[in-house]
Amino acid sequence: MTLQGKKIAILIAPRGTEEPEFKQPKDAVEAAGATVTVIGLESGQAQTNNNDLDAGSSYTVDKTVSDVSADEFDGLVIPGGCVGADKLRADKATIAFVHAFFQQAKPVGVICHAPWLLVEADVLNGRTVTSYPTVRKDIENAGGIWVDKEVVVDKGLVTSRTPKDLPAFCAKIVEEFEEGKHPQQARSA
């Protein structure tokens, strides 16, 4: 188990996070031996979506974002989904939580529309990333360099475009979480 002893946070938005982008990375990181904590905006259950509009499954929120600190974790996964990413990026505590991972040089995995949170956290300047194509201009306006690839790794930040990229994304986040801190990452925060 490559991630034995590692603690990984994964964000979830109520009625909005894309189910495969939540479940597959969570399962991959747990299969590698990490302990995963589901972090939400509200306590209780959070329902995911499929294709942004269709109801998905419900998942237990282990802790709310206001009850945690990046200090408690070795890495962070931010699943996409247009609706979920938009809800998460509107929450100041969530953006502060995301920003803290960059300040602490900890690895972060982000997929689909979730780079919107990185735009809000102001951590993209000079970084090469990918995303769902419609997020490209937001990334570029925030100083990021957008490329169209299934997975991109830039100093501990792993990004992917869509659910079809999940196999490559999941493999890379496990690899980056195993490597741990990336001192160059803190320079962008």
N, C-alpha and C. Protein backbone atom coordinates (compact mmCIF):
# COMPACT_ATOMS: atom_id res chain seq x y z
N MET A 1 0.85 -1.18 0.00
CA MET A 1 0.00 0.00 0.00
C MET A 1 0.89 1.24 0.00
N THR A 2 0.83 2.01 -1.06
CA THR A 2 1.73 3.14 -1.23
C THR A 2 1.36 4.35 -0.38
N LEU A 3 0.10 4.47 0.00
CA LEU A 3 -0.34 5.65 0.75
C LEU A 3 -0.66 5.35 2.21
N GLN A 4 -0.17 4.23 2.71
CA GLN A 4 -0.42 3.86 4.10
C GLN A 4 0.00 5.00 5.03
N GLY A 5 -0.90 5.40 5.93
CA GLY A 5 -0.62 6.47 6.87
C GLY A 5 -0.91 7.87 6.36
N LYS A 6 -1.23 8.01 5.08
CA LYS A 6 -1.55 9.33 4.52
C LYS A 6 -3.02 9.65 4.76
N LYS A 7 -3.28 10.94 5.00
CA LYS A 7 -4.65 11.42 5.19
C LYS A 7 -4.98 12.37 4.04
N ILE A 8 -6.02 12.03 3.29
CA ILE A 8 -6.39 12.81 2.11
C ILE A 8 -7.80 13.37 2.29
N ALA A 9 -7.98 14.63 2.00
CA ALA A 9 -9.29 15.28 2.03
C ALA A 9 -9.88 15.26 0.62
N ILE A 10 -11.19 15.07 0.52
CA ILE A 10 -11.88 15.18 -0.77
C ILE A 10 -13.11 16.05 -0.56
N LEU A 11 -13.28 17.04 -1.41
CA LEU A 11 -14.41 17.96 -1.29
C LEU A 11 -15.65 17.40 -1.97
N ILE A 12 -16.80 17.75 -1.43
CA ILE A 12 -18.08 17.40 -2.05
C ILE A 12 -19.05 18.56 -1.84
N ALA A 13 -19.80 18.88 -2.88
CA ALA A 13 -20.82 19.93 -2.79
C ALA A 13 -22.20 19.28 -2.74
N PRO A 14 -23.14 19.86 -2.01
CA PRO A 14 -24.49 19.30 -1.98
C PRO A 14 -25.15 19.42 -3.35
N ARG A 15 -25.69 18.32 -3.83
CA ARG A 15 -26.39 18.28 -5.14
C ARG A 15 -25.58 18.98 -6.22
N GLY A 16 -24.36 18.48 -6.47
CA GLY A 16 -23.62 19.14 -7.52
C GLY A 16 -22.32 18.49 -7.94
N THR A 17 -21.63 17.80 -7.04
CA THR A 17 -20.36 17.18 -7.41
C THR A 17 -20.63 16.02 -8.37
N GLU A 18 -19.84 15.92 -9.40
CA GLU A 18 -19.99 14.86 -10.40
C GLU A 18 -19.59 13.52 -9.78
N GLU A 19 -20.51 12.56 -9.76
CA GLU A 19 -20.29 11.29 -9.06
C GLU A 19 -19.02 10.55 -9.46
N PRO A 20 -18.77 10.26 -10.75
CA PRO A 20 -17.54 9.51 -11.05
C PRO A 20 -16.27 10.26 -10.67
N GLU A 21 -16.30 11.58 -10.72
CA GLU A 21 -15.13 12.38 -10.37
C GLU A 21 -14.91 12.44 -8.86
N PHE A 22 -15.92 12.08 -8.10
CA PHE A 22 -15.81 11.95 -6.65
C PHE A 22 -15.45 10.52 -6.27
N LYS A 23 -16.24 9.57 -6.74
CA LYS A 23 -16.12 8.17 -6.30
C LYS A 23 -14.83 7.51 -6.78
N GLN A 24 -14.48 7.66 -8.04
CA GLN A 24 -13.30 6.95 -8.55
C GLN A 24 -11.99 7.42 -7.91
N PRO A 25 -11.74 8.72 -7.77
CA PRO A 25 -10.53 9.13 -7.05
C PRO A 25 -10.54 8.70 -5.58
N LYS A 26 -11.69 8.81 -4.93
CA LYS A 26 -11.81 8.39 -3.53
C LYS A 26 -11.45 6.91 -3.41
N ASP A 27 -12.04 6.09 -4.27
CA ASP A 27 -11.76 4.65 -4.24
C ASP A 27 -10.29 4.35 -4.53
N ALA A 28 -9.70 5.05 -5.49
CA ALA A 28 -8.30 4.81 -5.86
C ALA A 28 -7.35 5.14 -4.71
N VAL A 29 -7.60 6.26 -4.05
CA VAL A 29 -6.74 6.69 -2.96
C VAL A 29 -6.90 5.75 -1.76
N GLU A 30 -8.14 5.33 -1.48
CA GLU A 30 -8.37 4.37 -0.40
C GLU A 30 -7.74 3.02 -0.72
N ALA A 31 -7.85 2.57 -1.97
CA ALA A 31 -7.25 1.29 -2.38
C ALA A 31 -5.74 1.32 -2.23
N ALA A 32 -5.14 2.50 -2.34
CA ALA A 32 -3.70 2.65 -2.17
C ALA A 32 -3.29 2.76 -0.71
N GLY A 33 -4.28 2.74 0.19
CA GLY A 33 -3.98 2.71 1.61
C GLY A 33 -4.22 3.97 2.40
N ALA A 34 -4.64 5.05 1.76
CA ALA A 34 -4.86 6.31 2.46
C ALA A 34 -6.19 6.31 3.21
N THR A 35 -6.27 7.16 4.21
CA THR A 35 -7.53 7.44 4.89
C THR A 35 -8.11 8.68 4.24
N VAL A 36 -9.34 8.59 3.75
CA VAL A 36 -9.98 9.70 3.05
C VAL A 36 -11.07 10.29 3.92
N THR A 37 -11.06 11.61 4.03
CA THR A 37 -12.09 12.34 4.77
C THR A 37 -12.91 13.15 3.77
N VAL A 38 -14.21 12.94 3.77
CA VAL A 38 -15.12 13.68 2.88
C VAL A 38 -15.47 15.00 3.56
N ILE A 39 -15.13 16.10 2.88
CA ILE A 39 -15.32 17.45 3.41
C ILE A 39 -16.43 18.14 2.62
N GLY A 40 -17.46 18.61 3.31
CA GLY A 40 -18.58 19.26 2.64
C GLY A 40 -18.87 20.64 3.20
N LEU A 41 -19.79 21.31 2.56
CA LEU A 41 -20.23 22.62 3.02
C LEU A 41 -21.17 22.50 4.21
N GLU A 42 -21.90 21.37 4.27
CA GLU A 42 -22.88 21.12 5.33
C GLU A 42 -22.69 19.72 5.85
N SER A 43 -23.03 19.48 7.11
CA SER A 43 -22.93 18.13 7.66
C SER A 43 -24.09 17.27 7.14
N GLY A 44 -23.99 15.97 7.37
CA GLY A 44 -25.04 15.04 6.94
C GLY A 44 -24.66 14.33 5.66
N GLN A 45 -25.60 14.30 4.74
CA GLN A 45 -25.41 13.63 3.45
C GLN A 45 -25.29 14.66 2.34
N ALA A 46 -24.50 14.32 1.32
CA ALA A 46 -24.40 15.16 0.13
C ALA A 46 -24.67 14.26 -1.08
N GLN A 47 -25.59 14.69 -1.91
CA GLN A 47 -25.91 13.91 -3.10
C GLN A 47 -25.09 14.39 -4.27
N THR A 48 -24.50 13.45 -5.00
CA THR A 48 -23.75 13.78 -6.20
C THR A 48 -24.69 13.87 -7.39
N ASN A 49 -24.15 14.30 -8.51
CA ASN A 49 -24.89 14.35 -9.78
C ASN A 49 -24.15 13.52 -10.81
N ASN A 50 -24.87 13.13 -11.84
CA ASN A 50 -24.29 12.52 -13.02
C ASN A 50 -24.64 13.41 -14.20
N ASN A 51 -23.64 13.75 -15.00
CA ASN A 51 -23.84 14.65 -16.14
C ASN A 51 -24.46 15.97 -15.72
N ASP A 52 -24.08 16.45 -14.55
CA ASP A 52 -24.48 17.72 -13.97
C ASP A 52 -25.95 17.83 -13.57
N LEU A 53 -26.84 17.06 -14.19
CA LEU A 53 -28.27 17.26 -13.96
C LEU A 53 -28.99 16.08 -13.34
N ASP A 54 -28.47 14.86 -13.53
CA ASP A 54 -29.14 13.67 -13.03
C ASP A 54 -28.65 13.33 -11.63
N ALA A 55 -29.58 12.97 -10.75
CA ALA A 55 -29.22 12.64 -9.37
C ALA A 55 -28.29 11.44 -9.33
N GLY A 56 -27.30 11.54 -8.47
CA GLY A 56 -26.37 10.44 -8.24
C GLY A 56 -26.64 9.82 -6.88
N SER A 57 -25.60 9.30 -6.27
CA SER A 57 -25.71 8.67 -4.95
C SER A 57 -25.50 9.70 -3.85
N SER A 58 -25.83 9.30 -2.63
CA SER A 58 -25.59 10.14 -1.46
C SER A 58 -24.38 9.62 -0.70
N TYR A 59 -23.58 10.55 -0.17
CA TYR A 59 -22.38 10.21 0.58
C TYR A 59 -22.39 10.97 1.89
N THR A 60 -21.85 10.35 2.91
CA THR A 60 -21.77 10.97 4.22
C THR A 60 -20.64 12.00 4.23
N VAL A 61 -20.95 13.19 4.71
CA VAL A 61 -19.94 14.23 4.91
C VAL A 61 -19.30 13.96 6.27
N ASP A 62 -18.00 13.68 6.25
CA ASP A 62 -17.31 13.38 7.50
C ASP A 62 -17.09 14.63 8.35
N LYS A 63 -16.75 15.72 7.69
CA LYS A 63 -16.52 16.98 8.38
C LYS A 63 -16.89 18.13 7.45
N THR A 64 -17.28 19.26 8.04
CA THR A 64 -17.55 20.43 7.22
C THR A 64 -16.25 21.21 7.03
N VAL A 65 -16.20 21.99 5.99
CA VAL A 65 -14.99 22.75 5.68
C VAL A 65 -14.64 23.71 6.80
N SER A 66 -15.63 24.19 7.52
CA SER A 66 -15.36 25.11 8.64
C SER A 66 -14.77 24.40 9.86
N ASP A 67 -14.79 23.07 9.86
CA ASP A 67 -14.28 22.30 11.00
C ASP A 67 -12.92 21.66 10.75
N VAL A 68 -12.29 21.97 9.61
CA VAL A 68 -11.01 21.33 9.28
C VAL A 68 -9.96 22.36 8.89
N SER A 69 -8.73 21.89 8.85
CA SER A 69 -7.60 22.71 8.43
C SER A 69 -6.74 21.87 7.50
N ALA A 70 -6.09 22.51 6.55
CA ALA A 70 -5.18 21.80 5.66
C ALA A 70 -4.06 21.12 6.44
N ASP A 71 -3.75 21.63 7.64
CA ASP A 71 -2.72 21.04 8.49
C ASP A 71 -3.00 19.57 8.80
N GLU A 72 -4.26 19.17 8.77
CA GLU A 72 -4.67 17.82 9.15
C GLU A 72 -4.46 16.78 8.04
N PHE A 73 -4.13 17.24 6.81
CA PHE A 73 -4.13 16.35 5.66
C PHE A 73 -2.81 16.40 4.90
N ASP A 74 -2.57 15.31 4.16
CA ASP A 74 -1.37 15.19 3.32
C ASP A 74 -1.65 15.57 1.87
N GLY A 75 -2.92 15.66 1.48
CA GLY A 75 -3.28 16.01 0.11
C GLY A 75 -4.76 16.29 0.01
N LEU A 76 -5.17 16.79 -1.16
CA LEU A 76 -6.55 17.21 -1.39
C LEU A 76 -6.99 16.79 -2.78
N VAL A 77 -8.23 16.29 -2.89
CA VAL A 77 -8.87 16.00 -4.18
C VAL A 77 -10.07 16.93 -4.32
N ILE A 78 -10.16 17.60 -5.47
CA ILE A 78 -11.31 18.46 -5.76
C ILE A 78 -12.00 17.93 -7.01
N PRO A 79 -13.10 17.19 -6.84
CA PRO A 79 -13.84 16.69 -7.98
C PRO A 79 -14.57 17.83 -8.69
N GLY A 80 -14.92 17.59 -9.93
CA GLY A 80 -15.61 18.61 -10.70
C GLY A 80 -17.12 18.43 -10.71
N GLY A 81 -17.65 18.76 -11.86
CA GLY A 81 -19.08 18.92 -12.03
C GLY A 81 -19.32 20.41 -12.03
N CYS A 82 -19.95 20.90 -13.05
CA CYS A 82 -20.18 22.34 -13.19
C CYS A 82 -20.91 22.91 -11.97
N VAL A 83 -21.96 22.24 -11.56
CA VAL A 83 -22.79 22.72 -10.46
C VAL A 83 -22.00 22.67 -9.14
N GLY A 84 -21.36 21.55 -8.88
CA GLY A 84 -20.62 21.39 -7.63
C GLY A 84 -19.45 22.35 -7.51
N ALA A 85 -18.67 22.47 -8.59
CA ALA A 85 -17.52 23.38 -8.55
C ALA A 85 -17.97 24.82 -8.33
N ASP A 86 -19.10 25.19 -8.94
CA ASP A 86 -19.60 26.55 -8.77
C ASP A 86 -20.03 26.80 -7.33
N LYS A 87 -20.69 25.81 -6.71
CA LYS A 87 -21.10 25.96 -5.30
C LYS A 87 -19.88 26.08 -4.40
N LEU A 88 -18.87 25.24 -4.64
CA LEU A 88 -17.68 25.25 -3.78
C LEU A 88 -16.89 26.54 -3.92
N ARG A 89 -16.76 27.05 -5.15
CA ARG A 89 -15.94 28.26 -5.33
C ARG A 89 -16.60 29.51 -4.76
N ALA A 90 -17.89 29.43 -4.47
CA ALA A 90 -18.60 30.57 -3.88
C ALA A 90 -18.44 30.63 -2.37
N ASP A 91 -17.82 29.61 -1.77
CA ASP A 91 -17.69 29.53 -0.32
C ASP A 91 -16.29 29.98 0.10
N LYS A 92 -16.20 31.06 0.84
CA LYS A 92 -14.89 31.62 1.24
C LYS A 92 -14.06 30.67 2.08
N ALA A 93 -14.69 29.92 2.97
CA ALA A 93 -13.96 28.98 3.81
C ALA A 93 -13.34 27.86 2.96
N THR A 94 -14.06 27.42 1.94
CA THR A 94 -13.54 26.39 1.04
C THR A 94 -12.35 26.92 0.27
N ILE A 95 -12.43 28.14 -0.22
CA ILE A 95 -11.32 28.72 -0.98
C ILE A 95 -10.10 28.90 -0.08
N ALA A 96 -10.30 29.30 1.15
CA ALA A 96 -9.18 29.43 2.10
C ALA A 96 -8.56 28.05 2.38
N PHE A 97 -9.38 27.04 2.50
CA PHE A 97 -8.93 25.67 2.71
C PHE A 97 -8.06 25.21 1.53
N VAL A 98 -8.53 25.43 0.32
CA VAL A 98 -7.78 25.07 -0.89
C VAL A 98 -6.46 25.83 -0.94
N HIS A 99 -6.51 27.12 -0.71
CA HIS A 99 -5.30 27.96 -0.77
C HIS A 99 -4.24 27.46 0.22
N ALA A 100 -4.67 27.01 1.38
CA ALA A 100 -3.73 26.56 2.41
C ALA A 100 -2.92 25.35 1.95
N PHE A 101 -3.49 24.48 1.13
CA PHE A 101 -2.73 23.34 0.61
C PHE A 101 -1.57 23.81 -0.25
N PHE A 102 -1.79 24.87 -1.00
CA PHE A 102 -0.71 25.42 -1.84
C PHE A 102 0.34 26.11 -0.98
N GLN A 103 -0.09 26.85 0.03
CA GLN A 103 0.85 27.50 0.94
C GLN A 103 1.73 26.46 1.64
N GLN A 104 1.16 25.31 1.93
CA GLN A 104 1.88 24.25 2.64
C GLN A 104 2.57 23.27 1.68
N ALA A 105 2.53 23.54 0.39
CA ALA A 105 3.20 22.74 -0.64
C ALA A 105 2.73 21.29 -0.68
N LYS A 106 1.45 21.08 -0.40
CA LYS A 106 0.89 19.73 -0.40
C LYS A 106 0.25 19.42 -1.76
N PRO A 107 0.30 18.16 -2.19
CA PRO A 107 -0.26 17.80 -3.49
C PRO A 107 -1.78 17.94 -3.53
N VAL A 108 -2.27 18.35 -4.71
CA VAL A 108 -3.70 18.59 -4.93
C VAL A 108 -4.08 18.00 -6.28
N GLY A 109 -5.20 17.28 -6.33
CA GLY A 109 -5.74 16.74 -7.58
C GLY A 109 -7.06 17.42 -7.90
N VAL A 110 -7.19 17.92 -9.14
CA VAL A 110 -8.35 18.73 -9.53
C VAL A 110 -8.79 18.29 -10.93
N ILE A 111 -10.09 18.08 -11.12
CA ILE A 111 -10.58 17.60 -12.41
C ILE A 111 -11.79 18.38 -12.89
N CYS A 112 -11.92 18.47 -14.21
CA CYS A 112 -13.09 19.00 -14.91
C CYS A 112 -13.29 20.51 -14.66
N HIS A 113 -14.39 20.89 -14.02
CA HIS A 113 -14.67 22.30 -13.72
C HIS A 113 -14.03 22.77 -12.41
N ALA A 114 -13.45 21.84 -11.65
CA ALA A 114 -12.90 22.19 -10.34
C ALA A 114 -11.76 23.20 -10.37
N PRO A 115 -11.02 23.40 -11.48
CA PRO A 115 -10.03 24.47 -11.47
C PRO A 115 -10.61 25.86 -11.18
N TRP A 116 -11.93 25.99 -11.26
CA TRP A 116 -12.55 27.26 -10.85
C TRP A 116 -12.14 27.60 -9.41
N LEU A 117 -12.01 26.58 -8.55
CA LEU A 117 -11.61 26.84 -7.17
C LEU A 117 -10.18 27.36 -7.11
N LEU A 118 -9.32 26.89 -8.03
CA LEU A 118 -7.93 27.35 -8.08
C LEU A 118 -7.86 28.79 -8.57
N VAL A 119 -8.77 29.15 -9.48
CA VAL A 119 -8.87 30.54 -9.94
C VAL A 119 -9.22 31.42 -8.74
N GLU A 120 -10.25 31.02 -7.98
CA GLU A 120 -10.68 31.79 -6.81
C GLU A 120 -9.60 31.85 -5.74
N ALA A 121 -8.83 30.77 -5.59
CA ALA A 121 -7.78 30.72 -4.58
C ALA A 121 -6.51 31.44 -5.03
N ASP A 122 -6.49 31.91 -6.26
CA ASP A 122 -5.38 32.68 -6.81
C ASP A 122 -4.05 31.92 -6.73
N VAL A 123 -4.06 30.67 -7.25
CA VAL A 123 -2.85 29.84 -7.19
C VAL A 123 -2.41 29.34 -8.57
N LEU A 124 -2.94 29.92 -9.64
CA LEU A 124 -2.64 29.41 -10.98
C LEU A 124 -1.56 30.18 -11.73
N ASN A 125 -1.12 31.30 -11.24
CA ASN A 125 -0.17 32.12 -11.99
C ASN A 125 1.09 31.33 -12.35
N GLY A 126 1.32 31.17 -13.66
CA GLY A 126 2.50 30.48 -14.15
C GLY A 126 2.42 28.97 -14.17
N ARG A 127 1.31 28.41 -13.73
CA ARG A 127 1.16 26.95 -13.71
C ARG A 127 0.55 26.43 -15.00
N THR A 128 0.99 25.26 -15.40
CA THR A 128 0.41 24.57 -16.57
C THR A 128 -0.62 23.59 -16.05
N VAL A 129 -1.86 23.72 -16.55
CA VAL A 129 -2.97 22.88 -16.11
C VAL A 129 -3.88 22.55 -17.28
N THR A 130 -4.77 21.61 -17.03
CA THR A 130 -5.85 21.32 -17.97
C THR A 130 -7.16 21.34 -17.20
N SER A 131 -8.27 21.25 -17.93
CA SER A 131 -9.59 21.32 -17.32
C SER A 131 -10.62 20.97 -18.38
N TYR A 132 -11.88 21.04 -17.98
CA TYR A 132 -12.95 21.00 -18.96
C TYR A 132 -12.73 22.21 -19.88
N PRO A 133 -12.90 22.04 -21.20
CA PRO A 133 -12.53 23.11 -22.13
C PRO A 133 -13.13 24.49 -21.84
N THR A 134 -14.35 24.56 -21.32
CA THR A 134 -14.97 25.87 -21.10
C THR A 134 -14.35 26.65 -19.95
N VAL A 135 -13.48 26.02 -19.16
CA VAL A 135 -12.82 26.70 -18.05
C VAL A 135 -11.50 27.34 -18.51
N ARG A 136 -11.11 27.06 -19.75
CA ARG A 136 -9.82 27.52 -20.26
C ARG A 136 -9.59 29.02 -20.07
N LYS A 137 -10.52 29.84 -20.50
CA LYS A 137 -10.34 31.29 -20.43
C LYS A 137 -10.20 31.78 -18.99
N ASP A 138 -10.96 31.18 -18.07
CA ASP A 138 -10.83 31.55 -16.65
C ASP A 138 -9.42 31.25 -16.15
N ILE A 139 -8.90 30.10 -16.53
CA ILE A 139 -7.54 29.71 -16.13
C ILE A 139 -6.52 30.68 -16.70
N GLU A 140 -6.65 30.98 -17.98
CA GLU A 140 -5.71 31.90 -18.62
C GLU A 140 -5.78 33.30 -18.02
N ASN A 141 -6.99 33.76 -17.73
CA ASN A 141 -7.15 35.07 -17.09
C ASN A 141 -6.55 35.12 -15.69
N ALA A 142 -6.43 33.95 -15.05
CA ALA A 142 -5.83 33.87 -13.72
C ALA A 142 -4.31 33.65 -13.79
N GLY A 143 -3.76 33.68 -15.01
CA GLY A 143 -2.32 33.54 -15.16
C GLY A 143 -1.84 32.13 -15.42
N GLY A 144 -2.76 31.18 -15.54
CA GLY A 144 -2.39 29.80 -15.81
C GLY A 144 -2.15 29.56 -17.29
N ILE A 145 -1.46 28.48 -17.58
CA ILE A 145 -1.19 28.05 -18.95
C ILE A 145 -2.03 26.80 -19.17
N TRP A 146 -3.01 26.88 -20.08
CA TRP A 146 -3.95 25.79 -20.30
C TRP A 146 -3.47 24.91 -21.45
N VAL A 147 -3.52 23.59 -21.26
CA VAL A 147 -3.19 22.64 -22.30
C VAL A 147 -4.29 21.58 -22.37
N ASP A 148 -4.44 20.98 -23.54
CA ASP A 148 -5.47 19.97 -23.75
C ASP A 148 -4.83 18.58 -23.68
N LYS A 149 -4.71 18.04 -22.46
CA LYS A 149 -4.13 16.72 -22.23
C LYS A 149 -4.96 16.00 -21.19
N GLU A 150 -4.90 14.66 -21.20
CA GLU A 150 -5.73 13.91 -20.25
C GLU A 150 -5.32 14.13 -18.81
N VAL A 151 -4.03 14.34 -18.56
CA VAL A 151 -3.56 14.62 -17.21
C VAL A 151 -2.31 15.49 -17.30
N VAL A 152 -2.24 16.48 -16.42
CA VAL A 152 -1.09 17.38 -16.36
C VAL A 152 -0.64 17.45 -14.90
N VAL A 153 0.68 17.34 -14.70
CA VAL A 153 1.25 17.48 -13.35
C VAL A 153 2.18 18.68 -13.35
N ASP A 154 1.97 19.61 -12.43
CA ASP A 154 2.80 20.80 -12.30
C ASP A 154 3.09 21.03 -10.82
N LYS A 155 4.28 20.63 -10.40
CA LYS A 155 4.74 20.87 -9.01
C LYS A 155 3.73 20.39 -7.97
N GLY A 156 3.26 19.16 -8.09
CA GLY A 156 2.34 18.60 -7.11
C GLY A 156 0.88 18.84 -7.40
N LEU A 157 0.56 19.63 -8.41
CA LEU A 157 -0.83 19.87 -8.82
C LEU A 157 -1.14 18.96 -10.00
N VAL A 158 -2.13 18.09 -9.85
CA VAL A 158 -2.57 17.18 -10.90
C VAL A 158 -3.92 17.67 -11.41
N THR A 159 -4.04 17.86 -12.73
CA THR A 159 -5.32 18.28 -13.31
C THR A 159 -5.68 17.36 -14.47
N SER A 160 -6.99 17.18 -14.67
CA SER A 160 -7.52 16.41 -15.80
C SER A 160 -8.78 17.09 -16.31
N ARG A 161 -9.23 16.66 -17.50
CA ARG A 161 -10.31 17.34 -18.21
C ARG A 161 -11.71 16.86 -17.86
N THR A 162 -11.96 15.57 -17.99
CA THR A 162 -13.32 15.03 -17.90
C THR A 162 -13.30 13.63 -17.29
N PRO A 163 -14.48 13.06 -17.02
CA PRO A 163 -14.52 11.70 -16.48
C PRO A 163 -13.77 10.67 -17.34
N LYS A 164 -13.69 10.87 -18.63
CA LYS A 164 -12.98 9.89 -19.47
C LYS A 164 -11.48 9.85 -19.12
N ASP A 165 -10.97 10.88 -18.46
CA ASP A 165 -9.56 10.94 -18.06
C ASP A 165 -9.31 10.35 -16.67
N LEU A 166 -10.34 9.83 -16.03
CA LEU A 166 -10.21 9.37 -14.63
C LEU A 166 -9.14 8.30 -14.41
N PRO A 167 -8.95 7.32 -15.29
CA PRO A 167 -7.89 6.34 -15.03
C PRO A 167 -6.50 7.01 -14.90
N ALA A 168 -6.18 7.90 -15.81
CA ALA A 168 -4.88 8.60 -15.75
C ALA A 168 -4.83 9.54 -14.54
N PHE A 169 -5.92 10.23 -14.26
CA PHE A 169 -5.99 11.15 -13.12
C PHE A 169 -5.78 10.40 -11.81
N CYS A 170 -6.50 9.29 -11.63
CA CYS A 170 -6.40 8.54 -10.38
C CYS A 170 -4.99 7.99 -10.17
N ALA A 171 -4.37 7.50 -11.22
CA ALA A 171 -3.00 6.98 -11.11
C ALA A 171 -2.04 8.09 -10.69
N LYS A 172 -2.20 9.27 -11.28
CA LYS A 172 -1.28 10.39 -10.98
C LYS A 172 -1.48 10.96 -9.59
N ILE A 173 -2.73 11.04 -9.12
CA ILE A 173 -2.91 11.59 -7.77
C ILE A 173 -2.31 10.65 -6.74
N VAL A 174 -2.46 9.35 -6.94
CA VAL A 174 -1.84 8.40 -6.01
C VAL A 174 -0.33 8.60 -6.02
N GLU A 175 0.25 8.75 -7.19
CA GLU A 175 1.70 8.97 -7.31
C GLU A 175 2.14 10.25 -6.61
N GLU A 176 1.42 11.33 -6.84
CA GLU A 176 1.79 12.62 -6.23
C GLU A 176 1.57 12.61 -4.72
N PHE A 177 0.49 11.97 -4.26
CA PHE A 177 0.27 11.88 -2.81
C PHE A 177 1.37 11.05 -2.16
N GLU A 178 1.86 10.04 -2.86
CA GLU A 178 2.96 9.23 -2.33
C GLU A 178 4.24 10.07 -2.23
N GLU A 179 4.51 10.91 -3.24
CA GLU A 179 5.70 11.76 -3.22
C GLU A 179 5.64 12.78 -2.09
N GLY A 180 4.46 13.28 -1.79
CA GLY A 180 4.31 14.24 -0.70
C GLY A 180 4.51 15.68 -1.12
N LYS A 181 5.05 16.46 -0.20
CA LYS A 181 5.18 17.91 -0.41
C LYS A 181 6.08 18.25 -1.59
N HIS A 182 5.73 19.34 -2.25
CA HIS A 182 6.50 19.89 -3.37
C HIS A 182 6.84 21.34 -3.04
N PRO A 183 8.04 21.61 -2.56
CA PRO A 183 8.39 22.96 -2.12
C PRO A 183 8.10 24.05 -3.15
N GLN A 184 8.23 23.73 -4.45
CA GLN A 184 7.97 24.75 -5.48
C GLN A 184 6.49 25.15 -5.51
N GLN A 185 5.62 24.28 -5.04
CA GLN A 185 4.19 24.57 -5.06
C GLN A 185 3.86 25.79 -4.22
N ALA A 186 4.50 25.96 -3.11
CA ALA A 186 4.20 27.08 -2.21
C ALA A 186 4.50 28.43 -2.86
N ARG A 187 5.35 28.44 -3.86
CA ARG A 187 5.71 29.71 -4.50
C ARG A 187 4.56 30.32 -5.28
N SER A 188 3.57 29.50 -5.67
CA SER A 188 2.45 30.03 -6.46
C SER A 188 1.31 30.51 -5.57
N ALA A 189 1.39 30.23 -4.29
CA ALA A 189 0.27 30.58 -3.39
C ALA A 189 0.37 31.99 -2.87
